[in-house]
C-alpha atoms as a PDB file:
ATOM      1  CA  MET A   1     -30.108 -27.426 -19.216  1.00  0.00           C
ATOM      2  CA  ILE A   2     -29.041 -26.590 -15.652  1.00  0.00           C
ATOM      3  CA  ARG A   3     -26.273 -29.165 -15.890  1.00  0.00           C
ATOM      4  CA  GLY A   4     -24.974 -27.404 -19.026  1.00  0.00           C
ATOM      5  CA  VAL A   5     -24.942 -24.055 -17.212  1.00  0.00           C
ATOM      6  CA  PHE A   6     -22.955 -25.519 -14.328  1.00  0.00           C
ATOM      7  CA  GLU A   7     -20.527 -27.117 -16.772  1.00  0.00           C
ATOM      8  CA  SER A   8     -20.042 -23.761 -18.522  1.00  0.00           C
ATOM      9  CA  ILE A   9     -19.408 -22.040 -15.195  1.00  0.00           C
ATOM     10  CA  ARG A  10     -16.904 -24.712 -14.212  1.00  0.00           C
ATOM     11  CA  ARG A  11     -15.006 -24.381 -17.521  1.00  0.00           C
ATOM     12  CA  PHE A  12     -14.987 -20.586 -17.226  1.00  0.00           C
ATOM     13  CA  SER A  13     -13.583 -20.732 -13.701  1.00  0.00           C
ATOM     14  CA  LYS A  14     -10.795 -23.080 -14.811  1.00  0.00           C
ATOM     15  CA  ASN A  15      -9.773 -20.891 -17.764  1.00  0.00           C
ATOM     16  CA  ASP A  16      -9.698 -17.673 -15.726  1.00  0.00           C
ATOM     17  CA  ASP A  17      -6.225 -18.159 -14.209  1.00  0.00           C
ATOM     18  CA  GLY A  18      -4.233 -15.894 -16.531  1.00  0.00           C
ATOM     19  CA  PRO A  19      -6.299 -12.705 -16.233  1.00  0.00           C
ATOM     20  CA  THR A  20      -6.785 -13.262 -12.506  1.00  0.00           C
ATOM     21  CA  ALA A  21      -3.028 -13.438 -11.913  1.00  0.00           C
ATOM     22  CA  ILE A  22      -2.549 -10.227 -13.886  1.00  0.00           C
ATOM     23  CA  GLU A  23      -5.297  -8.461 -11.951  1.00  0.00           C
ATOM     24  CA  TYR A  24      -3.795  -9.548  -8.627  1.00  0.00           C
ATOM     25  CA  SER A  25      -0.331  -8.383  -9.646  1.00  0.00           C
ATOM     26  CA  VAL A  26      -1.695  -4.976 -10.679  1.00  0.00           C
ATOM     27  CA  MET A  27      -3.572  -4.659  -7.382  1.00  0.00           C
ATOM     28  CA  LEU A  28      -0.428  -5.650  -5.467  1.00  0.00           C
ATOM     29  CA  GLY A  29       1.557  -3.013  -7.333  1.00  0.00           C
ATOM     30  CA  VAL A  30      -0.992  -0.331  -6.458  1.00  0.00           C
ATOM     31  CA  VAL A  31      -0.938  -1.353  -2.791  1.00  0.00           C
ATOM     32  CA  VAL A  32       2.884  -1.286  -2.700  1.00  0.00           C
ATOM     33  CA  ILE A  33       3.011   2.170  -4.292  1.00  0.00           C
ATOM     34  CA  PHE A  34       0.392   3.437  -1.834  1.00  0.00           C
ATOM     35  CA  CYS A  35       2.315   2.029   1.150  1.00  0.00           C
ATOM     36  CA  LEU A  36       5.558   3.591  -0.054  1.00  0.00           C
ATOM     37  CA  ALA A  37       3.879   6.964  -0.468  1.00  0.00           C
ATOM     38  CA  VAL A  38       2.438   6.766   3.039  1.00  0.00           C
ATOM     39  CA  LEU A  39       5.782   5.762   4.561  1.00  0.00           C
ATOM     40  CA  ILE A  40       7.660   8.525   2.754  1.00  0.00           C
ATOM     41  CA  ASN A  41       5.121  11.113   3.902  1.00  0.00           C
ATOM     42  CA  PHE A  42       5.185   9.730   7.452  1.00  0.00           C
ATOM     43  CA  GLY A  43       8.988   9.924   7.491  1.00  0.00           C
ATOM     44  CA  GLN A  44       8.954  13.541   6.371  1.00  0.00           C
ATOM     45  CA  VAL A  45       6.421  14.493   9.031  1.00  0.00           C
ATOM     46  CA  GLN A  46       8.413  12.712  11.737  1.00  0.00           C
ATOM     47  CA  ASN A  47      11.601  14.461  10.590  1.00  0.00           C
ATOM     48  CA  GLU A  48       9.908  17.851  10.905  1.00  0.00           C
ATOM     49  CA  ILE A  49       8.636  17.003  14.383  1.00  0.00           C
ATOM     50  CA  TRP A  50      12.098  15.919  15.578  1.00  0.00           C
ATOM     51  CA  GLN A  51      13.746  19.000  14.086  1.00  0.00           C
ATOM     52  CA  ASP A  52      11.229  21.316  15.760  1.00  0.00           C
ATOM     53  CA  SER A  53      11.727  19.533  19.092  1.00  0.00           C
ATOM     54  CA  SER A  54      15.498  19.686  18.741  1.00  0.00           C
ATOM     55  CA  GLN A  55      15.421  23.421  18.009  1.00  0.00           C
ATOM     56  CA  ALA A  56      13.103  24.056  20.948  1.00  0.00           C
ATOM     57  CA  LEU A  57      15.300  22.071  23.325  1.00  0.00           C
ATOM     58  CA  SER A  58      18.598  23.510  22.093  1.00  0.00           C
ATOM     59  CA  GLY A  59      17.577  26.984  23.226  1.00  0.00           C
ATOM     60  CA  LEU A  60      16.855  25.841  26.798  1.00  0.00           C
ATOM     61  CA  GLY A  61      20.504  25.388  27.830  1.00  0.00           C
ATOM     62  CA  ASP A  62      21.618  28.872  26.791  1.00  0.00           C
ATOM     63  CA  ASP A  63      20.171  30.745  29.829  1.00  0.00           C
ATOM     64  CA  ARG A  64      23.035  30.064  32.271  1.00  0.00           C
END
């Protein structure tokens, strides 16, 4: 009986390749979309910081 259970588990693990590949590809797609969203947001924040710094520094040379 135990041998039959182990044989069933072994067969199930061998036949699980198709759905596993699909699940991994979906997870990879979610991770890629998340990373892109983070990078886009990070770029926008950095752009605002550099623009604010540039505006603050551009006014310093006008007091001659």
